Amino acid sequence: MLPLTYHRYYPKEADYYFRWYQARLPGLGKEFLDELSITLAEIEANPTRFALVTPTIRQAPVNRFPFSIFYRIKPDRIRILALWHNKRGSLGWKYRR
């Protein structure tokens, strides 16, 4: 298995949405983080499972929440680029490396 590495914005995005969900309903933030962990484990176990959205970037939907994780498979690692709300435009994450 290839190790996961993260763009510097990914932890900030995950924390922001965790706090947002937690403020709406106590415990929902933890459920959100649990679903992120499951999706990341699925990416790590089978990186080619999810659809290509550009020639080199894949999109993994997060169950139960309107988010996707965008990532790139490198020869020595899987690079997590963004946690992106599905209603937002795609311009922001496309320029991440």
C-alpha atoms as a PDB file:
ATOM      1  CA  MET A   1       0.000   0.000   0.000  1.00  0.00           C
ATOM      2  CA  LEU A   2       1.136   3.488  -0.798  1.00  0.00           C
ATOM      3  CA  PRO A   3       1.210   5.969   2.094  1.00  0.00           C
ATOM      4  CA  LEU A   4      -1.140   8.946   2.159  1.00  0.00           C
ATOM      5  CA  THR A   5       0.242  12.477   2.189  1.00  0.00           C
ATOM      6  CA  TYR A   6      -1.894  15.577   2.553  1.00  0.00           C
ATOM      7  CA  HIS A   7      -1.999  19.022   1.034  1.00  0.00           C
ATOM      8  CA  ARG A   8      -1.509  21.613   3.766  1.00  0.00           C
ATOM      9  CA  TYR A   9      -5.142  22.798   3.455  1.00  0.00           C
ATOM     10  CA  TYR A  10      -6.714  19.364   3.947  1.00  0.00           C
ATOM     11  CA  PRO A  11      -6.433  19.289   7.797  1.00  0.00           C
ATOM     12  CA  LYS A  12      -7.830  22.821   7.982  1.00  0.00           C
ATOM     13  CA  GLU A  13     -10.773  21.878   5.753  1.00  0.00           C
ATOM     14  CA  ALA A  14     -11.530  18.738   7.762  1.00  0.00           C
ATOM     15  CA  ASP A  15     -11.342  20.655  11.050  1.00  0.00           C
ATOM     16  CA  TYR A  16     -13.569  23.468   9.764  1.00  0.00           C
ATOM     17  CA  TYR A  17     -16.315  21.089   8.664  1.00  0.00           C
ATOM     18  CA  PHE A  18     -15.954  18.977  11.797  1.00  0.00           C
ATOM     19  CA  ARG A  19     -16.622  22.088  13.902  1.00  0.00           C
ATOM     20  CA  TRP A  20     -19.503  23.141  11.635  1.00  0.00           C
ATOM     21  CA  TYR A  21     -21.262  19.767  11.993  1.00  0.00           C
ATOM     22  CA  GLN A  22     -20.482  19.549  15.704  1.00  0.00           C
ATOM     23  CA  ALA A  23     -22.089  22.974  16.267  1.00  0.00           C
ATOM     24  CA  ARG A  24     -25.246  21.802  14.471  1.00  0.00           C
ATOM     25  CA  LEU A  25     -25.627  18.577  16.420  1.00  0.00           C
ATOM     26  CA  PRO A  26     -23.260  17.256  19.101  1.00  0.00           C
ATOM     27  CA  GLY A  27     -21.715  14.035  17.870  1.00  0.00           C
ATOM     28  CA  LEU A  28     -22.314  14.753  14.190  1.00  0.00           C
ATOM     29  CA  GLY A  29     -18.808  16.144  13.820  1.00  0.00           C
ATOM     30  CA  LYS A  30     -17.361  12.850  15.041  1.00  0.00           C
ATOM     31  CA  GLU A  31     -19.565  10.951  12.596  1.00  0.00           C
ATOM     32  CA  PHE A  32     -18.224  13.190   9.825  1.00  0.00           C
ATOM     33  CA  LEU A  33     -14.616  12.435  10.825  1.00  0.00           C
ATOM     34  CA  ASP A  34     -15.440   8.713  10.985  1.00  0.00           C
ATOM     35  CA  GLU A  35     -16.751   8.808   7.406  1.00  0.00           C
ATOM     36  CA  LEU A  36     -13.642  10.695   6.283  1.00  0.00           C
ATOM     37  CA  SER A  37     -11.477   7.999   7.877  1.00  0.00           C
ATOM     38  CA  ILE A  38     -13.418   5.251   6.116  1.00  0.00           C
ATOM     39  CA  THR A  39     -13.069   7.004   2.755  1.00  0.00           C
ATOM     40  CA  LEU A  40      -9.341   7.564   3.266  1.00  0.00           C
ATOM     41  CA  ALA A  41      -8.895   3.886   4.176  1.00  0.00           C
ATOM     42  CA  GLU A  42     -10.742   2.897   0.985  1.00  0.00           C
ATOM     43  CA  ILE A  43      -8.488   5.188  -1.059  1.00  0.00           C
ATOM     44  CA  GLU A  44      -5.391   3.719   0.554  1.00  0.00           C
ATOM     45  CA  ALA A  45      -6.544   0.108   0.082  1.00  0.00           C
ATOM     46  CA  ASN A  46      -7.577   0.511  -3.558  1.00  0.00           C
ATOM     47  CA  PRO A  47      -6.494   3.863  -5.020  1.00  0.00           C
ATOM     48  CA  THR A  48      -7.734   3.165  -8.565  1.00  0.00           C
ATOM     49  CA  ARG A  49     -11.259   2.347  -7.367  1.00  0.00           C
ATOM     50  CA  PHE A  50     -12.594   5.880  -7.704  1.00  0.00           C
ATOM     51  CA  ALA A  51     -13.335   7.805 -10.880  1.00  0.00           C
ATOM     52  CA  LEU A  52     -10.895  10.059 -12.674  1.00  0.00           C
ATOM     53  CA  VAL A  53     -12.093  13.669 -12.935  1.00  0.00           C
ATOM     54  CA  THR A  54      -8.973  14.867 -14.759  1.00  0.00           C
ATOM     55  CA  PRO A  55      -6.290  12.727 -16.395  1.00  0.00           C
ATOM     56  CA  THR A  56      -4.449  12.446 -13.045  1.00  0.00           C
ATOM     57  CA  ILE A  57      -6.924  13.337 -10.263  1.00  0.00           C
ATOM     58  CA  ARG A  58      -9.553  11.059  -8.755  1.00  0.00           C
ATOM     59  CA  GLN A  59     -12.668  11.842  -6.724  1.00  0.00           C
ATOM     60  CA  ALA A  60     -13.829   9.709  -3.787  1.00  0.00           C
ATOM     61  CA  PRO A  61     -17.267  10.603  -2.409  1.00  0.00           C
ATOM     62  CA  VAL A  62     -17.712  10.657   1.376  1.00  0.00           C
ATOM     63  CA  ASN A  63     -20.705   8.574   2.513  1.00  0.00           C
ATOM     64  CA  ARG A  64     -23.582  10.376   4.279  1.00  0.00           C
ATOM     65  CA  PHE A  65     -22.078  13.838   3.729  1.00  0.00           C
ATOM     66  CA  PRO A  66     -22.015  16.088   0.636  1.00  0.00           C
ATOM     67  CA  PHE A  67     -18.227  16.004   0.250  1.00  0.00           C
ATOM     68  CA  SER A  68     -15.589  14.402  -1.916  1.00  0.00           C
ATOM     69  CA  ILE A  69     -11.915  13.783  -1.385  1.00  0.00           C
ATOM     70  CA  PHE A  70      -9.759  14.606  -4.400  1.00  0.00           C
ATOM     71  CA  TYR A  71      -6.414  12.859  -4.739  1.00  0.00           C
ATOM     72  CA  ARG A  72      -3.593  11.998  -7.094  1.00  0.00           C
ATOM     73  CA  ILE A  73      -1.707   8.688  -7.241  1.00  0.00           C
ATOM     74  CA  LYS A  74       2.049   9.262  -7.333  1.00  0.00           C
ATOM     75  CA  PRO A  75       4.670   6.513  -7.832  1.00  0.00           C
ATOM     76  CA  ASP A  76       5.600   6.512  -4.139  1.00  0.00           C
ATOM     77  CA  ARG A  77       2.476   7.865  -2.402  1.00  0.00           C
ATOM     78  CA  ILE A  78      -1.139   8.969  -2.667  1.00  0.00           C
ATOM     79  CA  ARG A  79      -1.464  12.730  -2.436  1.00  0.00           C
ATOM     80  CA  ILE A  80      -4.715  13.928  -0.846  1.00  0.00           C
ATOM     81  CA  LEU A  81      -5.409  17.293  -2.465  1.00  0.00           C
ATOM     82  CA  ALA A  82      -8.699  18.496  -1.032  1.00  0.00           C
ATOM     83  CA  LEU A  83     -11.832  17.860   0.959  1.00  0.00           C
ATOM     84  CA  TRP A  84     -14.400  19.634  -1.151  1.00  0.00           C
ATOM     85  CA  HIS A  85     -18.125  20.286  -0.676  1.00  0.00           C
ATOM     86  CA  ASN A  86     -19.994  18.893  -3.672  1.00  0.00           C
ATOM     87  CA  LYS A  87     -21.941  22.138  -4.171  1.00  0.00           C
ATOM     88  CA  ARG A  88     -18.793  24.248  -4.558  1.00  0.00           C
ATOM     89  CA  GLY A  89     -17.204  24.841  -7.915  1.00  0.00           C
ATOM     90  CA  SER A  90     -14.167  22.787  -8.807  1.00  0.00           C
ATOM     91  CA  LEU A  91     -11.731  25.566  -9.570  1.00  0.00           C
ATOM     92  CA  GLY A  92     -10.052  25.745  -6.169  1.00  0.00           C
ATOM     93  CA  TRP A  93      -8.777  22.191  -5.767  1.00  0.00           C
ATOM     94  CA  LYS A  94      -7.631  21.712  -9.371  1.00  0.00           C
ATOM     95  CA  TYR A  95      -4.517  23.811  -8.843  1.00  0.00           C
ATOM     96  CA  ARG A  96      -3.303  22.003  -5.740  1.00  0.00           C
ATOM     97  CA  ARG A  97      -0.233  19.788  -5.892  1.00  0.00           C
END
